Amino acid sequence: MQVMIETKNEEGLKALIGQEVSIWCMNYTYAGKLIGVNDTCVKLEGAKIVYETGSFIDSGWKDAQSLPWSTHYIQCSAIESFGGVK
């Protein structure tokens, strides 16, 4: 059986640039618009820290608080998972 593997240049976090994302890290969850990605950090605009998610069937977070600066950086080494927001 032959297996074909397709590689895309813009996969993972880079594919989500310009979208609203949720980033699950070792200690906290962050949400915001992903505006940058490099080898060490991701950059969020309008970032919020999520203290309580609430039910995942709800349309928003139960307790998400805006961070006091316009952009926020997250170390890639702390990221456990991530995804685009519906």
PDB file of N, CA and C in Angstrom:
ATOM      1  N   MET A   1       0.843  -1.179   0.000  1.00  0.00           N
ATOM      2  CA  MET A   1       0.000   0.000   0.000  1.00  0.00           C
ATOM      3  C   MET A   1       0.891   1.246   0.000  1.00  0.00           C
ATOM      4  N   GLN A   2       0.614   2.172  -0.892  1.00  0.00           N
ATOM      5  CA  GLN A   2       1.363   3.406  -0.987  1.00  0.00           C
ATOM      6  C   GLN A   2       0.615   4.509  -0.250  1.00  0.00           C
ATOM      7  N   VAL A   3       1.334   5.264   0.573  1.00  0.00           N
ATOM      8  CA  VAL A   3       0.745   6.362   1.327  1.00  0.00           C
ATOM      9  C   VAL A   3       1.284   7.670   0.774  1.00  0.00           C
ATOM     10  N   MET A   4       0.373   8.581   0.444  1.00  0.00           N
ATOM     11  CA  MET A   4       0.766   9.898  -0.053  1.00  0.00           C
ATOM     12  C   MET A   4       0.696  10.896   1.103  1.00  0.00           C
ATOM     13  N   ILE A   5       1.750  11.659   1.296  1.00  0.00           N
ATOM     14  CA  ILE A   5       1.784  12.677   2.339  1.00  0.00           C
ATOM     15  C   ILE A   5       1.879  14.031   1.656  1.00  0.00           C
ATOM     16  N   GLU A   6       0.942  14.909   1.998  1.00  0.00           N
ATOM     17  CA  GLU A   6       0.916  16.252   1.428  1.00  0.00           C
ATOM     18  C   GLU A   6       1.400  17.241   2.474  1.00  0.00           C
ATOM     19  N   THR A   7       2.347  18.066   2.094  1.00  0.00           N
ATOM     20  CA  THR A   7       2.863  19.095   2.982  1.00  0.00           C
ATOM     21  C   THR A   7       2.384  20.449   2.493  1.00  0.00           C
ATOM     22  N   LYS A   8       1.852  21.250   3.413  1.00  0.00           N
ATOM     23  CA  LYS A   8       1.390  22.594   3.087  1.00  0.00           C
ATOM     24  C   LYS A   8       2.281  23.602   3.797  1.00  0.00           C
ATOM     25  N   ASN A   9       2.607  24.677   3.119  1.00  0.00           N
ATOM     26  CA  ASN A   9       3.449  25.709   3.726  1.00  0.00           C
ATOM     27  C   ASN A   9       2.742  26.442   4.851  1.00  0.00           C
ATOM     28  N   GLU A  10       1.472  26.701   4.706  1.00  0.00           N
ATOM     29  CA  GLU A  10       0.732  27.474   5.700  1.00  0.00           C
ATOM     30  C   GLU A  10      -0.217  26.560   6.468  1.00  0.00           C
ATOM     31  N   GLU A  11       0.339  25.748   7.330  1.00  0.00           N
ATOM     32  CA  GLU A  11      -0.442  24.831   8.156  1.00  0.00           C
ATOM     33  C   GLU A  11      -0.233  25.235   9.609  1.00  0.00           C
ATOM     34  N   GLY A  12      -1.064  24.743  10.497  1.00  0.00           N
ATOM     35  CA  GLY A  12      -0.920  25.040  11.914  1.00  0.00           C
ATOM     36  C   GLY A  12      -1.287  26.480  12.231  1.00  0.00           C
ATOM     37  N   LEU A  13      -0.554  27.086  13.145  1.00  0.00           N
ATOM     38  CA  LEU A  13      -0.863  28.457  13.562  1.00  0.00           C
ATOM     39  C   LEU A  13      -0.800  29.445  12.408  1.00  0.00           C
ATOM     40  N   LYS A  14       0.157  29.283  11.515  1.00  0.00           N
ATOM     41  CA  LYS A  14       0.295  30.222  10.399  1.00  0.00           C
ATOM     42  C   LYS A  14      -0.953  30.245   9.523  1.00  0.00           C
ATOM     43  N   ALA A  15      -1.645  29.136   9.416  1.00  0.00           N
ATOM     44  CA  ALA A  15      -2.870  29.074   8.615  1.00  0.00           C
ATOM     45  C   ALA A  15      -4.005  29.866   9.256  1.00  0.00           C
ATOM     46  N   LEU A  16      -3.887  30.183  10.552  1.00  0.00           N
ATOM     47  CA  LEU A  16      -4.944  30.891  11.272  1.00  0.00           C
ATOM     48  C   LEU A  16      -4.689  32.391  11.408  1.00  0.00           C
ATOM     49  N   ILE A  17      -3.626  32.906  10.828  1.00  0.00           N
ATOM     50  CA  ILE A  17      -3.331  34.335  10.937  1.00  0.00           C
ATOM     51  C   ILE A  17      -4.496  35.148  10.375  1.00  0.00           C
ATOM     52  N   GLY A  18      -4.898  36.157  11.144  1.00  0.00           N
ATOM     53  CA  GLY A  18      -6.019  37.015  10.772  1.00  0.00           C
ATOM     54  C   GLY A  18      -7.354  36.553  11.338  1.00  0.00           C
ATOM     55  N   GLN A  19      -7.361  35.378  11.982  1.00  0.00           N
ATOM     56  CA  GLN A  19      -8.598  34.830  12.544  1.00  0.00           C
ATOM     57  C   GLN A  19      -8.610  34.950  14.070  1.00  0.00           C
ATOM     58  N   GLU A  20      -9.810  34.889  14.633  1.00  0.00           N
ATOM     59  CA  GLU A  20      -9.963  34.786  16.083  1.00  0.00           C
ATOM     60  C   GLU A  20      -9.595  33.364  16.488  1.00  0.00           C
ATOM     61  N   VAL A  21      -8.752  33.226  17.507  1.00  0.00           N
ATOM     62  CA  VAL A  21      -8.279  31.916  17.937  1.00  0.00           C
ATOM     63  C   VAL A  21      -8.396  31.761  19.450  1.00  0.00           C
ATOM     64  N   SER A  22      -8.342  30.515  19.875  1.00  0.00           N
ATOM     65  CA  SER A  22      -8.179  30.164  21.283  1.00  0.00           C
ATOM     66  C   SER A  22      -6.876  29.387  21.380  1.00  0.00           C
ATOM     67  N   ILE A  23      -6.039  29.767  22.339  1.00  0.00           N
ATOM     68  CA  ILE A  23      -4.751  29.109  22.529  1.00  0.00           C
ATOM     69  C   ILE A  23      -4.705  28.583  23.950  1.00  0.00           C
ATOM     70  N   TRP A  24      -4.594  27.269  24.063  1.00  0.00           N
ATOM     71  CA  TRP A  24      -4.572  26.593  25.353  1.00  0.00           C
ATOM     72  C   TRP A  24      -3.117  26.355  25.738  1.00  0.00           C
ATOM     73  N   CYS A  25      -2.711  26.936  26.861  1.00  0.00           N
ATOM     74  CA  CYS A  25      -1.329  26.836  27.318  1.00  0.00           C
ATOM     75  C   CYS A  25      -1.258  26.018  28.604  1.00  0.00           C
ATOM     76  N   MET A  26      -0.057  25.877  29.119  1.00  0.00           N
ATOM     77  CA  MET A  26       0.158  25.062  30.314  1.00  0.00           C
ATOM     78  C   MET A  26      -0.669  25.542  31.498  1.00  0.00           C
ATOM     79  N   ASN A  27      -0.828  26.845  31.642  1.00  0.00           N
ATOM     80  CA  ASN A  27      -1.547  27.377  32.804  1.00  0.00           C
ATOM     81  C   ASN A  27      -2.839  28.089  32.470  1.00  0.00           C
ATOM     82  N   TYR A  28      -2.903  28.747  31.336  1.00  0.00           N
ATOM     83  CA  TYR A  28      -4.059  29.565  31.002  1.00  0.00           C
ATOM     84  C   TYR A  28      -4.512  29.314  29.573  1.00  0.00           C
ATOM     85  N   THR A  29      -5.697  29.815  29.276  1.00  0.00           N
ATOM     86  CA  THR A  29      -6.209  29.848  27.919  1.00  0.00           C
ATOM     87  C   THR A  29      -6.310  31.302  27.506  1.00  0.00           C
ATOM     88  N   TYR A  30      -5.894  31.584  26.277  1.00  0.00           N
ATOM     89  CA  TYR A  30      -5.951  32.939  25.743  1.00  0.00           C
ATOM     90  C   TYR A  30      -6.821  32.941  24.498  1.00  0.00           C
ATOM     91  N   ALA A  31      -7.444  34.072  24.227  1.00  0.00           N
ATOM     92  CA  ALA A  31      -8.265  34.229  23.034  1.00  0.00           C
ATOM     93  C   ALA A  31      -7.973  35.596  22.444  1.00  0.00           C
ATOM     94  N   GLY A  32      -8.058  35.704  21.132  1.00  0.00           N
ATOM     95  CA  GLY A  32      -7.837  36.980  20.462  1.00  0.00           C
ATOM     96  C   GLY A  32      -7.606  36.756  18.986  1.00  0.00           C
ATOM     97  N   LYS A  33      -7.308  37.836  18.291  1.00  0.00           N
ATOM     98  CA  LYS A  33      -7.035  37.761  16.858  1.00  0.00           C
ATOM     99  C   LYS A  33      -5.546  37.481  16.663  1.00  0.00           C
ATOM    100  N   LEU A  34      -5.240  36.393  15.971  1.00  0.00           N
ATOM    101  CA  LEU A  34      -3.860  36.005  15.722  1.00  0.00           C
ATOM    102  C   LEU A  34      -3.290  36.895  14.612  1.00  0.00           C
ATOM    103  N   ILE A  35      -2.268  37.677  14.954  1.00  0.00           N
ATOM    104  CA  ILE A  35      -1.707  38.590  13.949  1.00  0.00           C
ATOM    105  C   ILE A  35      -0.243  38.306  13.639  1.00  0.00           C
ATOM    106  N   GLY A  36       0.380  37.369  14.344  1.00  0.00           N
ATOM    107  CA  GLY A  36       1.774  37.046  14.056  1.00  0.00           C
ATOM    108  C   GLY A  36       2.197  35.707  14.629  1.00  0.00           C
ATOM    109  N   VAL A  37       3.112  35.050  13.918  1.00  0.00           N
ATOM    110  CA  VAL A  37       3.671  33.772  14.361  1.00  0.00           C
ATOM    111  C   VAL A  37       5.139  33.735  13.935  1.00  0.00           C
ATOM    112  N   ASN A  38       6.025  33.350  14.864  1.00  0.00           N
ATOM    113  CA  ASN A  38       7.404  33.062  14.478  1.00  0.00           C
ATOM    114  C   ASN A  38       7.865  31.814  15.220  1.00  0.00           C
ATOM    115  N   ASP A  39       9.146  31.540  15.241  1.00  0.00           N
ATOM    116  CA  ASP A  39       9.647  30.301  15.849  1.00  0.00           C
ATOM    117  C   ASP A  39       9.479  30.253  17.359  1.00  0.00           C
ATOM    118  N   THR A  40       9.380  31.403  18.008  1.00  0.00           N
ATOM    119  CA  THR A  40       9.326  31.411  19.471  1.00  0.00           C
ATOM    120  C   THR A  40       8.021  31.930  20.062  1.00  0.00           C
ATOM    121  N   CYS A  41       7.299  32.792  19.330  1.00  0.00           N
ATOM    122  CA  CYS A  41       6.118  33.447  19.893  1.00  0.00           C
ATOM    123  C   CYS A  41       4.975  33.525  18.895  1.00  0.00           C
ATOM    124  N   VAL A  42       3.779  33.699  19.454  1.00  0.00           N
ATOM    125  CA  VAL A  42       2.627  34.102  18.657  1.00  0.00           C
ATOM    126  C   VAL A  42       2.165  35.446  19.207  1.00  0.00           C
ATOM    127  N   LYS A  43       1.557  36.246  18.352  1.00  0.00           N
ATOM    128  CA  LYS A  43       1.132  37.589  18.731  1.00  0.00           C
ATOM    129  C   LYS A  43      -0.376  37.703  18.550  1.00  0.00           C
ATOM    130  N   LEU A  44      -1.061  38.090  19.629  1.00  0.00           N
ATOM    131  CA  LEU A  44      -2.506  38.274  19.604  1.00  0.00           C
ATOM    132  C   LEU A  44      -2.851  39.744  19.726  1.00  0.00           C
ATOM    133  N   GLU A  45      -3.888  40.137  19.022  1.00  0.00           N
ATOM    134  CA  GLU A  45      -4.443  41.477  19.131  1.00  0.00           C
ATOM    135  C   GLU A  45      -5.780  41.357  19.846  1.00  0.00           C
ATOM    136  N   GLY A  46      -6.064  42.292  20.751  1.00  0.00           N
ATOM    137  CA  GLY A  46      -7.319  42.222  21.500  1.00  0.00           C
ATOM    138  C   GLY A  46      -7.393  40.982  22.366  1.00  0.00           C
ATOM    139  N   ALA A  47      -6.270  40.625  22.963  1.00  0.00           N
ATOM    140  CA  ALA A  47      -6.170  39.370  23.715  1.00  0.00           C
ATOM    141  C   ALA A  47      -6.973  39.390  25.009  1.00  0.00           C
ATOM    142  N   LYS A  48      -7.497  38.232  25.335  1.00  0.00           N
ATOM    143  CA  LYS A  48      -8.198  38.012  26.600  1.00  0.00           C
ATOM    144  C   LYS A  48      -7.600  36.781  27.257  1.00  0.00           C
ATOM    145  N   ILE A  49      -7.587  36.793  28.575  1.00  0.00           N
ATOM    146  CA  ILE A  49      -7.213  35.604  29.330  1.00  0.00           C
ATOM    147  C   ILE A  49      -8.512  34.974  29.822  1.00  0.00           C
ATOM    148  N   VAL A  50      -8.629  33.678  29.643  1.00  0.00           N
ATOM    149  CA  VAL A  50      -9.857  32.970  29.989  1.00  0.00           C
ATOM    150  C   VAL A  50      -9.657  32.303  31.345  1.00  0.00           C
ATOM    151  N   TYR A  51     -10.405  32.770  32.341  1.00  0.00           N
ATOM    152  CA  TYR A  51     -10.323  32.186  33.675  1.00  0.00           C
ATOM    153  C   TYR A  51     -11.324  31.060  33.864  1.00  0.00           C
ATOM    154  N   GLU A  52     -12.437  31.119  33.135  1.00  0.00           N
ATOM    155  CA  GLU A  52     -13.445  30.062  33.233  1.00  0.00           C
ATOM    156  C   GLU A  52     -14.110  29.908  31.866  1.00  0.00           C
ATOM    157  N   THR A  53     -14.061  28.701  31.327  1.00  0.00           N
ATOM    158  CA  THR A  53     -14.589  28.483  29.977  1.00  0.00           C
ATOM    159  C   THR A  53     -16.107  28.438  29.938  1.00  0.00           C
ATOM    160  N   GLY A  54     -16.732  27.863  30.947  1.00  0.00           N
ATOM    161  CA  GLY A  54     -18.161  27.604  30.869  1.00  0.00           C
ATOM    162  C   GLY A  54     -18.396  26.407  29.957  1.00  0.00           C
ATOM    163  N   SER A  55     -19.614  26.226  29.541  1.00  0.00           N
ATOM    164  CA  SER A  55     -19.962  25.100  28.676  1.00  0.00           C
ATOM    165  C   SER A  55     -19.454  25.362  27.260  1.00  0.00           C
ATOM    166  N   PHE A  56     -18.939  24.344  26.608  1.00  0.00           N
ATOM    167  CA  PHE A  56     -18.434  24.508  25.248  1.00  0.00           C
ATOM    168  C   PHE A  56     -19.551  24.634  24.218  1.00  0.00           C
ATOM    169  N   ILE A  57     -20.789  24.396  24.610  1.00  0.00           N
ATOM    170  CA  ILE A  57     -21.889  24.613  23.675  1.00  0.00           C
ATOM    171  C   ILE A  57     -22.344  26.072  23.682  1.00  0.00           C
ATOM    172  N   ASP A  58     -21.886  26.857  24.674  1.00  0.00           N
ATOM    173  CA  ASP A  58     -22.191  28.289  24.713  1.00  0.00           C
ATOM    174  C   ASP A  58     -21.350  29.020  23.671  1.00  0.00           C
ATOM    175  N   SER A  59     -21.799  30.187  23.246  1.00  0.00           N
ATOM    176  CA  SER A  59     -21.111  30.917  22.183  1.00  0.00           C
ATOM    177  C   SER A  59     -19.891  31.697  22.658  1.00  0.00           C
ATOM    178  N   GLY A  60     -19.736  31.874  23.949  1.00  0.00           N
ATOM    179  CA  GLY A  60     -18.592  32.639  24.450  1.00  0.00           C
ATOM    180  C   GLY A  60     -18.040  32.043  25.723  1.00  0.00           C
ATOM    181  N   TRP A  61     -17.024  32.697  26.254  1.00  0.00           N
ATOM    182  CA  TRP A  61     -16.410  32.254  27.502  1.00  0.00           C
ATOM    183  C   TRP A  61     -17.219  32.750  28.693  1.00  0.00           C
ATOM    184  N   LYS A  62     -17.242  31.967  29.769  1.00  0.00           N
ATOM    185  CA  LYS A  62     -17.942  32.377  30.979  1.00  0.00           C
ATOM    186  C   LYS A  62     -17.214  33.531  31.664  1.00  0.00           C
ATOM    187  N   ASP A  63     -15.881  33.474  31.742  1.00  0.00           N
ATOM    188  CA  ASP A  63     -15.094  34.552  32.345  1.00  0.00           C
ATOM    189  C   ASP A  63     -13.809  34.740  31.547  1.00  0.00           C
ATOM    190  N   ALA A  64     -13.833  35.695  30.621  1.00  0.00           N
ATOM    191  CA  ALA A  64     -12.652  36.065  29.839  1.00  0.00           C
ATOM    192  C   ALA A  64     -12.434  37.558  30.035  1.00  0.00           C
ATOM    193  N   GLN A  65     -11.226  37.915  30.459  1.00  0.00           N
ATOM    194  CA  GLN A  65     -10.949  39.315  30.763  1.00  0.00           C
ATOM    195  C   GLN A  65      -9.916  39.873  29.798  1.00  0.00           C
ATOM    196  N   SER A  66     -10.232  41.035  29.245  1.00  0.00           N
ATOM    197  CA  SER A  66      -9.322  41.691  28.306  1.00  0.00           C
ATOM    198  C   SER A  66      -8.023  42.055  29.000  1.00  0.00           C
ATOM    199  N   LEU A  67      -6.922  41.822  28.307  1.00  0.00           N
ATOM    200  CA  LEU A  67      -5.619  42.226  28.823  1.00  0.00           C
ATOM    201  C   LEU A  67      -5.418  43.713  28.541  1.00  0.00           C
ATOM    202  N   PRO A  68      -4.670  44.418  29.386  1.00  0.00           N
ATOM    203  CA  PRO A  68      -4.630  45.881  29.327  1.00  0.00           C
ATOM    204  C   PRO A  68      -3.758  46.482  28.224  1.00  0.00           C
ATOM    205  N   TRP A  69      -3.148  45.691  27.357  1.00  0.00           N
ATOM    206  CA  TRP A  69      -2.326  46.231  26.286  1.00  0.00           C
ATOM    207  C   TRP A  69      -2.903  45.797  24.946  1.00  0.00           C
ATOM    208  N   SER A  70      -2.537  46.489  23.889  1.00  0.00           N
ATOM    209  CA  SER A  70      -3.160  46.246  22.585  1.00  0.00           C
ATOM    210  C   SER A  70      -2.723  44.930  21.949  1.00  0.00           C
ATOM    211  N   THR A  71      -1.491  44.493  22.211  1.00  0.00           N
ATOM    212  CA  THR A  71      -1.029  43.202  21.696  1.00  0.00           C
ATOM    213  C   THR A  71      -0.436  42.385  22.824  1.00  0.00           C
ATOM    214  N   HIS A  72      -0.453  41.081  22.642  1.00  0.00           N
ATOM    215  CA  HIS A  72       0.042  40.173  23.676  1.00  0.00           C
ATOM    216  C   HIS A  72       0.786  39.038  22.995  1.00  0.00           C
ATOM    217  N   TYR A  73       1.938  38.667  23.554  1.00  0.00           N
ATOM    218  CA  TYR A  73       2.756  37.587  23.005  1.00  0.00           C
ATOM    219  C   TYR A  73       2.664  36.351  23.891  1.00  0.00           C
ATOM    220  N   ILE A  74       2.637  35.184  23.263  1.00  0.00           N
ATOM    221  CA  ILE A  74       2.617  33.902  23.973  1.00  0.00           C
ATOM    222  C   ILE A  74       3.792  33.072  23.481  1.00  0.00           C
ATOM    223  N   GLN A  75       4.543  32.503  24.401  1.00  0.00           N
ATOM    224  CA  GLN A  75       5.659  31.628  24.042  1.00  0.00           C
ATOM    225  C   GLN A  75       5.133  30.336  23.410  1.00  0.00           C
ATOM    226  N   CYS A  76       5.647  29.988  22.263  1.00  0.00           N
ATOM    227  CA  CYS A  76       5.222  28.749  21.592  1.00  0.00           C
ATOM    228  C   CYS A  76       5.484  27.514  22.452  1.00  0.00           C
ATOM    229  N   SER A  77       6.543  27.561  23.268  1.00  0.00           N
ATOM    230  CA  SER A  77       6.875  26.408  24.101  1.00  0.00           C
ATOM    231  C   SER A  77       5.817  26.122  25.159  1.00  0.00           C
ATOM    232  N   ALA A  78       4.944  27.095  25.454  1.00  0.00           N
ATOM    233  CA  ALA A  78       3.893  26.916  26.462  1.00  0.00           C
ATOM    234  C   ALA A  78       2.581  26.426  25.863  1.00  0.00           C
ATOM    235  N   ILE A  79       2.464  26.437  24.540  1.00  0.00           N
ATOM    236  CA  ILE A  79       1.195  26.097  23.890  1.00  0.00           C
ATOM    237  C   ILE A  79       0.984  24.585  23.876  1.00  0.00           C
ATOM    238  N   GLU A  80      -0.204  24.175  24.353  1.00  0.00           N
ATOM    239  CA  GLU A  80      -0.603  22.773  24.301  1.00  0.00           C
ATOM    240  C   GLU A  80      -1.486  22.490  23.098  1.00  0.00           C
ATOM    241  N   SER A  81      -2.405  23.406  22.809  1.00  0.00           N
ATOM    242  CA  SER A  81      -3.277  23.242  21.651  1.00  0.00           C
ATOM    243  C   SER A  81      -3.855  24.597  21.258  1.00  0.00           C
ATOM    244  N   PHE A  82      -4.449  24.643  20.063  1.00  0.00           N
ATOM    245  CA  PHE A  82      -5.002  25.904  19.575  1.00  0.00           C
ATOM    246  C   PHE A  82      -6.038  25.604  18.508  1.00  0.00           C
ATOM    247  N   GLY A  83      -6.866  26.601  18.227  1.00  0.00           N
ATOM    248  CA  GLY A  83      -7.852  26.444  17.173  1.00  0.00           C
ATOM    249  C   GLY A  83      -8.530  27.750  16.851  1.00  0.00           C
ATOM    250  N   GLY A  84      -9.119  27.811  15.672  1.00  0.00           N
ATOM    251  CA  GLY A  84      -9.888  28.963  15.261  1.00  0.00           C
ATOM    252  C   GLY A  84     -11.241  28.961  15.957  1.00  0.00           C
ATOM    253  N   VAL A  85     -11.757  30.147  16.176  1.00  0.00           N
ATOM    254  CA  VAL A  85     -13.058  30.303  16.836  1.00  0.00           C
ATOM    255  C   VAL A  85     -14.145  30.327  15.773  1.00  0.00           C
ATOM    256  N   LYS A  86     -15.271  29.648  16.061  1.00  0.00           N
ATOM    257  CA  LYS A  86     -16.393  29.614  15.117  1.00  0.00           C
ATOM    258  C   LYS A  86     -16.946  30.984  14.877  1.00  0.00           C
TER     259      LYS A  86
END
